[in-house]
Amino acid sequence: MSKVCQISGKRVMIGNNVSHALNRTKRRFDINLITKKFFIPEENRWITLKITTSVLRTINRKGISAVLKEARSRGVVIK
């Protein structure tokens, strides 16, 4: 599966390793992605999301219901 956050849409970035001699080789900047299960009391069900840790902090602050509501208003499809 791809390394994409289901809420924020953050993806892997591509860049360069730059040595002291300024030689450049390609590298990947991976995102800090975790798989986490959440219980949604309004729908009375569990969902599993692949999210970044920064989105997890947002969920801890605002709550899962508020974050899902914002994501769905932006057009993110969450099953």
PDB file of N, CA and C in Angstrom:
ATOM      1  N   MET A   1       0.833  -1.182   0.000  1.00  0.00           N
ATOM      2  CA  MET A   1       0.000   0.000   0.000  1.00  0.00           C
ATOM      3  C   MET A   1       0.877   1.244   0.000  1.00  0.00           C
ATOM      4  N   SER A   2       0.324   2.331  -0.495  1.00  0.00           N
ATOM      5  CA  SER A   2       1.093   3.555  -0.590  1.00  0.00           C
ATOM      6  C   SER A   2       1.208   4.234   0.766  1.00  0.00           C
ATOM      7  N   LYS A   3       2.228   5.042   0.911  1.00  0.00           N
ATOM      8  CA  LYS A   3       2.459   5.769   2.157  1.00  0.00           C
ATOM      9  C   LYS A   3       1.813   7.142   2.046  1.00  0.00           C
ATOM     10  N   VAL A   4       0.478   7.170   2.249  1.00  0.00           N
ATOM     11  CA  VAL A   4      -0.289   8.403   2.173  1.00  0.00           C
ATOM     12  C   VAL A   4      -1.211   8.464   3.384  1.00  0.00           C
ATOM     13  N   CYS A   5      -1.258   9.612   4.036  1.00  0.00           N
ATOM     14  CA  CYS A   5      -2.150   9.808   5.173  1.00  0.00           C
ATOM     15  C   CYS A   5      -3.580   9.924   4.650  1.00  0.00           C
ATOM     16  N   GLN A   6      -4.516   9.180   5.257  1.00  0.00           N
ATOM     17  CA  GLN A   6      -5.889   9.172   4.788  1.00  0.00           C
ATOM     18  C   GLN A   6      -6.640  10.446   5.166  1.00  0.00           C
ATOM     19  N   ILE A   7      -6.188  11.180   6.150  1.00  0.00           N
ATOM     20  CA  ILE A   7      -6.867  12.407   6.566  1.00  0.00           C
ATOM     21  C   ILE A   7      -6.242  13.633   5.917  1.00  0.00           C
ATOM     22  N   SER A   8      -4.942  13.816   6.072  1.00  0.00           N
ATOM     23  CA  SER A   8      -4.297  15.034   5.581  1.00  0.00           C
ATOM     24  C   SER A   8      -3.827  14.926   4.134  1.00  0.00           C
ATOM     25  N   GLY A   9      -3.603  13.709   3.652  1.00  0.00           N
ATOM     26  CA  GLY A   9      -3.123  13.540   2.280  1.00  0.00           C
ATOM     27  C   GLY A   9      -1.629  13.708   2.129  1.00  0.00           C
ATOM     28  N   LYS A  10      -0.902  13.783   3.240  1.00  0.00           N
ATOM     29  CA  LYS A  10       0.554  13.914   3.159  1.00  0.00           C
ATOM     30  C   LYS A  10       1.144  12.681   2.483  1.00  0.00           C
ATOM     31  N   ARG A  11       2.194  12.902   1.683  1.00  0.00           N
ATOM     32  CA  ARG A  11       2.840  11.832   0.933  1.00  0.00           C
ATOM     33  C   ARG A  11       4.353  11.850   1.178  1.00  0.00           C
ATOM     34  N   VAL A  12       5.022  10.842   0.648  1.00  0.00           N
ATOM     35  CA  VAL A  12       6.479  10.766   0.671  1.00  0.00           C
ATOM     36  C   VAL A  12       7.029  11.860  -0.234  1.00  0.00           C
ATOM     37  N   MET A  13       8.094  12.520   0.211  1.00  0.00           N
ATOM     38  CA  MET A  13       8.756  13.529  -0.620  1.00  0.00           C
ATOM     39  C   MET A  13      10.083  12.970  -1.130  1.00  0.00           C
ATOM     40  N   ILE A  14      10.521  13.458  -2.274  1.00  0.00           N
ATOM     41  CA  ILE A  14      11.780  13.035  -2.878  1.00  0.00           C
ATOM     42  C   ILE A  14      12.754  14.208  -2.816  1.00  0.00           C
ATOM     43  N   GLY A  15      13.997  13.908  -2.461  1.00  0.00           N
ATOM     44  CA  GLY A  15      15.003  14.964  -2.385  1.00  0.00           C
ATOM     45  C   GLY A  15      16.382  14.392  -2.650  1.00  0.00           C
ATOM     46  N   ASN A  16      17.392  15.079  -2.187  1.00  0.00           N
ATOM     47  CA  ASN A  16      18.770  14.676  -2.412  1.00  0.00           C
ATOM     48  C   ASN A  16      19.520  14.528  -1.103  1.00  0.00           C
ATOM     49  N   ASN A  17      20.383  13.506  -1.025  1.00  0.00           N
ATOM     50  CA  ASN A  17      21.436  13.480  -0.025  1.00  0.00           C
ATOM     51  C   ASN A  17      22.558  14.337  -0.580  1.00  0.00           C
ATOM     52  N   VAL A  18      23.070  15.271   0.195  1.00  0.00           N
ATOM     53  CA  VAL A  18      24.135  16.143  -0.275  1.00  0.00           C
ATOM     54  C   VAL A  18      25.352  15.903   0.609  1.00  0.00           C
ATOM     55  N   SER A  19      26.426  15.428   0.003  1.00  0.00           N
ATOM     56  CA  SER A  19      27.646  15.143   0.757  1.00  0.00           C
ATOM     57  C   SER A  19      28.443  16.430   0.966  1.00  0.00           C
ATOM     58  N   HIS A  20      29.512  16.310   1.712  1.00  0.00           N
ATOM     59  CA  HIS A  20      30.370  17.467   1.965  1.00  0.00           C
ATOM     60  C   HIS A  20      30.968  17.992   0.661  1.00  0.00           C
ATOM     61  N   ALA A  21      31.186  17.094  -0.296  1.00  0.00           N
ATOM     62  CA  ALA A  21      31.736  17.477  -1.602  1.00  0.00           C
ATOM     63  C   ALA A  21      30.631  17.914  -2.569  1.00  0.00           C
ATOM     64  N   LEU A  22      29.409  18.060  -2.052  1.00  0.00           N
ATOM     65  CA  LEU A  22      28.230  18.481  -2.821  1.00  0.00           C
ATOM     66  C   LEU A  22      27.818  17.470  -3.888  1.00  0.00           C
ATOM     67  N   ASN A  23      28.177  16.181  -3.679  1.00  0.00           N
ATOM     68  CA  ASN A  23      27.633  15.134  -4.537  1.00  0.00           C
ATOM     69  C   ASN A  23      26.183  14.921  -4.142  1.00  0.00           C
ATOM     70  N   ARG A  24      25.312  14.734  -5.139  1.00  0.00           N
ATOM     71  CA  ARG A  24      23.896  14.583  -4.847  1.00  0.00           C
ATOM     72  C   ARG A  24      23.405  13.210  -5.299  1.00  0.00           C
ATOM     73  N   THR A  25      22.741  12.510  -4.377  1.00  0.00           N
ATOM     74  CA  THR A  25      22.102  11.237  -4.710  1.00  0.00           C
ATOM     75  C   THR A  25      20.665  11.313  -4.223  1.00  0.00           C
ATOM     76  N   LYS A  26      19.766  10.651  -4.951  1.00  0.00           N
ATOM     77  CA  LYS A  26      18.348  10.713  -4.612  1.00  0.00           C
ATOM     78  C   LYS A  26      18.055   9.995  -3.305  1.00  0.00           C
ATOM     79  N   ARG A  27      17.068  10.501  -2.570  1.00  0.00           N
ATOM     80  CA  ARG A  27      16.612   9.858  -1.342  1.00  0.00           C
ATOM     81  C   ARG A  27      15.134  10.156  -1.155  1.00  0.00           C
ATOM     82  N   ARG A  28      14.521   9.424  -0.214  1.00  0.00           N
ATOM     83  CA  ARG A  28      13.104   9.620   0.095  1.00  0.00           C
ATOM     84  C   ARG A  28      12.965  10.179   1.507  1.00  0.00           C
ATOM     85  N   PHE A  29      12.060  11.126   1.654  1.00  0.00           N
ATOM     86  CA  PHE A  29      11.692  11.632   2.965  1.00  0.00           C
ATOM     87  C   PHE A  29      10.357  10.986   3.309  1.00  0.00           C
ATOM     88  N   ASP A  30      10.394   9.892   4.089  1.00  0.00           N
ATOM     89  CA  ASP A  30       9.176   9.185   4.448  1.00  0.00           C
ATOM     90  C   ASP A  30       8.413   9.958   5.518  1.00  0.00           C
ATOM     91  N   ILE A  31       7.083   9.787   5.525  1.00  0.00           N
ATOM     92  CA  ILE A  31       6.262  10.409   6.550  1.00  0.00           C
ATOM     93  C   ILE A  31       6.141   9.453   7.726  1.00  0.00           C
ATOM     94  N   ASN A  32       5.834   9.988   8.878  1.00  0.00           N
ATOM     95  CA  ASN A  32       5.705   9.192  10.099  1.00  0.00           C
ATOM     96  C   ASN A  32       4.283   8.644  10.148  1.00  0.00           C
ATOM     97  N   LEU A  33       4.064   7.482   9.543  1.00  0.00           N
ATOM     98  CA  LEU A  33       2.736   6.928   9.325  1.00  0.00           C
ATOM     99  C   LEU A  33       2.464   5.787  10.302  1.00  0.00           C
ATOM    100  N   ILE A  34       1.263   5.773  10.879  1.00  0.00           N
ATOM    101  CA  ILE A  34       0.857   4.693  11.770  1.00  0.00           C
ATOM    102  C   ILE A  34      -0.527   4.211  11.352  1.00  0.00           C
ATOM    103  N   THR A  35      -0.854   2.983  11.722  1.00  0.00           N
ATOM    104  CA  THR A  35      -2.191   2.434  11.518  1.00  0.00           C
ATOM    105  C   THR A  35      -2.867   2.373  12.881  1.00  0.00           C
ATOM    106  N   LYS A  36      -4.036   2.985  12.990  1.00  0.00           N
ATOM    107  CA  LYS A  36      -4.703   3.098  14.291  1.00  0.00           C
ATOM    108  C   LYS A  36      -6.196   2.878  14.125  1.00  0.00           C
ATOM    109  N   LYS A  37      -6.797   2.192  15.117  1.00  0.00           N
ATOM    110  CA  LYS A  37      -8.242   1.977  15.131  1.00  0.00           C
ATOM    111  C   LYS A  37      -8.895   3.010  16.037  1.00  0.00           C
ATOM    112  N   PHE A  38     -10.018   3.562  15.582  1.00  0.00           N
ATOM    113  CA  PHE A  38     -10.773   4.546  16.351  1.00  0.00           C
ATOM    114  C   PHE A  38     -12.212   4.082  16.460  1.00  0.00           C
ATOM    115  N   PHE A  39     -12.837   4.357  17.613  1.00  0.00           N
ATOM    116  CA  PHE A  39     -14.260   4.087  17.786  1.00  0.00           C
ATOM    117  C   PHE A  39     -15.018   5.391  17.583  1.00  0.00           C
ATOM    118  N   ILE A  40     -16.028   5.343  16.709  1.00  0.00           N
ATOM    119  CA  ILE A  40     -16.857   6.508  16.440  1.00  0.00           C
ATOM    120  C   ILE A  40     -18.195   6.290  17.124  1.00  0.00           C
ATOM    121  N   PRO A  41     -18.481   7.002  18.213  1.00  0.00           N
ATOM    122  CA  PRO A  41     -19.718   6.748  18.961  1.00  0.00           C
ATOM    123  C   PRO A  41     -20.985   7.119  18.190  1.00  0.00           C
ATOM    124  N   GLU A  42     -20.924   8.138  17.309  1.00  0.00           N
ATOM    125  CA  GLU A  42     -22.109   8.536  16.546  1.00  0.00           C
ATOM    126  C   GLU A  42     -22.571   7.428  15.598  1.00  0.00           C
ATOM    127  N   GLU A  43     -21.612   6.715  15.029  1.00  0.00           N
ATOM    128  CA  GLU A  43     -21.925   5.640  14.089  1.00  0.00           C
ATOM    129  C   GLU A  43     -21.890   4.271  14.760  1.00  0.00           C
ATOM    130  N   ASN A  44     -21.448   4.223  16.015  1.00  0.00           N
ATOM    131  CA  ASN A  44     -21.356   2.993  16.804  1.00  0.00           C
ATOM    132  C   ASN A  44     -20.536   1.921  16.082  1.00  0.00           C
ATOM    133  N   ARG A  45     -19.353   2.319  15.592  1.00  0.00           N
ATOM    134  CA  ARG A  45     -18.488   1.363  14.891  1.00  0.00           C
ATOM    135  C   ARG A  45     -17.031   1.786  15.011  1.00  0.00           C
ATOM    136  N   TRP A  46     -16.155   0.836  14.700  1.00  0.00           N
ATOM    137  CA  TRP A  46     -14.720   1.062  14.690  1.00  0.00           C
ATOM    138  C   TRP A  46     -14.269   1.303  13.251  1.00  0.00           C
ATOM    139  N   ILE A  47     -13.286   2.200  13.058  1.00  0.00           N
ATOM    140  CA  ILE A  47     -12.652   2.361  11.750  1.00  0.00           C
ATOM    141  C   ILE A  47     -11.141   2.291  11.947  1.00  0.00           C
ATOM    142  N   THR A  48     -10.455   1.826  10.925  1.00  0.00           N
ATOM    143  CA  THR A  48      -8.999   1.753  10.931  1.00  0.00           C
ATOM    144  C   THR A  48      -8.482   2.772   9.929  1.00  0.00           C
ATOM    145  N   LEU A  49      -7.586   3.633  10.384  1.00  0.00           N
ATOM    146  CA  LEU A  49      -7.033   4.683   9.532  1.00  0.00           C
ATOM    147  C   LEU A  49      -5.520   4.604   9.506  1.00  0.00           C
ATOM    148  N   LYS A  50      -4.929   4.917   8.337  1.00  0.00           N
ATOM    149  CA  LYS A  50      -3.489   5.123   8.220  1.00  0.00           C
ATOM    150  C   LYS A  50      -3.269   6.621   8.269  1.00  0.00           C
ATOM    151  N   ILE A  51      -2.716   7.106   9.387  1.00  0.00           N
ATOM    152  CA  ILE A  51      -2.564   8.533   9.585  1.00  0.00           C
ATOM    153  C   ILE A  51      -1.147   8.864  10.032  1.00  0.00           C
ATOM    154  N   THR A  52      -0.780  10.121   9.855  1.00  0.00           N
ATOM    155  CA  THR A  52       0.504  10.587  10.360  1.00  0.00           C
ATOM    156  C   THR A  52       0.357  10.906  11.841  1.00  0.00           C
ATOM    157  N   THR A  53       1.473  10.979  12.531  1.00  0.00           N
ATOM    158  CA  THR A  53       1.437  11.265  13.959  1.00  0.00           C
ATOM    159  C   THR A  53       0.984  12.695  14.225  1.00  0.00           C
ATOM    160  N   SER A  54       1.201  13.608  13.277  1.00  0.00           N
ATOM    161  CA  SER A  54       0.710  14.977  13.458  1.00  0.00           C
ATOM    162  C   SER A  54      -0.814  15.009  13.423  1.00  0.00           C
ATOM    163  N   VAL A  55      -1.438  14.177  12.593  1.00  0.00           N
ATOM    164  CA  VAL A  55      -2.896  14.084  12.557  1.00  0.00           C
ATOM    165  C   VAL A  55      -3.398  13.416  13.835  1.00  0.00           C
ATOM    166  N   LEU A  56      -2.646  12.471  14.377  1.00  0.00           N
ATOM    167  CA  LEU A  56      -3.029  11.837  15.639  1.00  0.00           C
ATOM    168  C   LEU A  56      -3.080  12.867  16.767  1.00  0.00           C
ATOM    169  N   ARG A  57      -2.140  13.800  16.790  1.00  0.00           N
ATOM    170  CA  ARG A  57      -2.156  14.877  17.786  1.00  0.00           C
ATOM    171  C   ARG A  57      -3.379  15.763  17.602  1.00  0.00           C
ATOM    172  N   THR A  58      -3.750  16.025  16.344  1.00  0.00           N
ATOM    173  CA  THR A  58      -4.943  16.821  16.066  1.00  0.00           C
ATOM    174  C   THR A  58      -6.190  16.100  16.544  1.00  0.00           C
ATOM    175  N   ILE A  59      -6.251  14.784  16.335  1.00  0.00           N
ATOM    176  CA  ILE A  59      -7.392  13.986  16.796  1.00  0.00           C
ATOM    177  C   ILE A  59      -7.468  14.011  18.322  1.00  0.00           C
ATOM    178  N   ASN A  60      -6.335  13.949  18.993  1.00  0.00           N
ATOM    179  CA  ASN A  60      -6.325  14.009  20.458  1.00  0.00           C
ATOM    180  C   ASN A  60      -6.836  15.355  20.964  1.00  0.00           C
ATOM    181  N   ARG A  61      -6.565  16.431  20.210  1.00  0.00           N
ATOM    182  CA  ARG A  61      -7.010  17.764  20.612  1.00  0.00           C
ATOM    183  C   ARG A  61      -8.488  18.001  20.301  1.00  0.00           C
ATOM    184  N   LYS A  62      -8.894  17.738  19.043  1.00  0.00           N
ATOM    185  CA  LYS A  62     -10.246  18.076  18.588  1.00  0.00           C
ATOM    186  C   LYS A  62     -11.255  16.962  18.784  1.00  0.00           C
ATOM    187  N   GLY A  63     -10.788  15.717  18.719  1.00  0.00           N
ATOM    188  CA  GLY A  63     -11.689  14.569  18.766  1.00  0.00           C
ATOM    189  C   GLY A  63     -11.853  13.966  17.381  1.00  0.00           C
ATOM    190  N   ILE A  64     -12.085  12.666  17.343  1.00  0.00           N
ATOM    191  CA  ILE A  64     -12.174  11.955  16.068  1.00  0.00           C
ATOM    192  C   ILE A  64     -13.375  12.416  15.251  1.00  0.00           C
ATOM    193  N   SER A  65     -14.482  12.721  15.895  1.00  0.00           N
ATOM    194  CA  SER A  65     -15.693  13.118  15.164  1.00  0.00           C
ATOM    195  C   SER A  65     -15.490  14.434  14.425  1.00  0.00           C
ATOM    196  N   ALA A  66     -14.862  15.406  15.088  1.00  0.00           N
ATOM    197  CA  ALA A  66     -14.625  16.710  14.463  1.00  0.00           C
ATOM    198  C   ALA A  66     -13.652  16.597  13.298  1.00  0.00           C
ATOM    199  N   VAL A  67     -12.608  15.794  13.466  1.00  0.00           N
ATOM    200  CA  VAL A  67     -11.608  15.638  12.407  1.00  0.00           C
ATOM    201  C   VAL A  67     -12.222  14.934  11.192  1.00  0.00           C
ATOM    202  N   LEU A  68     -13.031  13.893  11.422  1.00  0.00           N
ATOM    203  CA  LEU A  68     -13.689  13.204  10.312  1.00  0.00           C
ATOM    204  C   LEU A  68     -14.685  14.112   9.604  1.00  0.00           C
ATOM    205  N   LYS A  69     -15.380  14.947  10.357  1.00  0.00           N
ATOM    206  CA  LYS A  69     -16.344  15.871   9.759  1.00  0.00           C
ATOM    207  C   LYS A  69     -15.633  16.859   8.837  1.00  0.00           C
ATOM    208  N   GLU A  70     -14.491  17.412   9.286  1.00  0.00           N
ATOM    209  CA  GLU A  70     -13.706  18.325   8.456  1.00  0.00           C
ATOM    210  C   GLU A  70     -13.176  17.628   7.209  1.00  0.00           C
ATOM    211  N   ALA A  71     -12.693  16.392   7.380  1.00  0.00           N
ATOM    212  CA  ALA A  71     -12.135  15.653   6.247  1.00  0.00           C
ATOM    213  C   ALA A  71     -13.216  15.347   5.212  1.00  0.00           C
ATOM    214  N   ARG A  72     -14.401  14.951   5.675  1.00  0.00           N
ATOM    215  CA  ARG A  72     -15.485  14.646   4.740  1.00  0.00           C
ATOM    216  C   ARG A  72     -15.978  15.905   4.027  1.00  0.00           C
ATOM    217  N   SER A  73     -15.911  17.059   4.683  1.00  0.00           N
ATOM    218  CA  SER A  73     -16.312  18.307   4.023  1.00  0.00           C
ATOM    219  C   SER A  73     -15.321  18.700   2.931  1.00  0.00           C
ATOM    220  N   ARG A  74     -14.043  18.273   3.070  1.00  0.00           N
ATOM    221  CA  ARG A  74     -13.041  18.503   2.027  1.00  0.00           C
ATOM    222  C   ARG A  74     -13.135  17.491   0.887  1.00  0.00           C
ATOM    223  N   GLY A  75     -13.942  16.445   1.087  1.00  0.00           N
ATOM    224  CA  GLY A  75     -14.123  15.460   0.032  1.00  0.00           C
ATOM    225  C   GLY A  75     -13.352  14.176   0.229  1.00  0.00           C
ATOM    226  N   VAL A  76     -12.782  13.958   1.405  1.00  0.00           N
ATOM    227  CA  VAL A  76     -12.058  12.718   1.687  1.00  0.00           C
ATOM    228  C   VAL A  76     -13.067  11.608   1.956  1.00  0.00           C
ATOM    229  N   VAL A  77     -12.913  10.483   1.273  1.00  0.00           N
ATOM    230  CA  VAL A  77     -13.834   9.361   1.450  1.00  0.00           C
ATOM    231  C   VAL A  77     -13.243   8.413   2.475  1.00  0.00           C
ATOM    232  N   ILE A  78     -13.963   8.235   3.589  1.00  0.00           N
ATOM    233  CA  ILE A  78     -13.534   7.333   4.663  1.00  0.00           C
ATOM    234  C   ILE A  78     -14.634   6.312   4.869  1.00  0.00           C
ATOM    235  N   LYS A  79     -14.270   5.049   4.710  1.00  0.00           N
ATOM    236  CA  LYS A  79     -15.266   3.984   4.792  1.00  0.00           C
ATOM    237  C   LYS A  79     -15.540   3.585   6.214  1.00  0.00           C
TER     238      LYS A  79
END
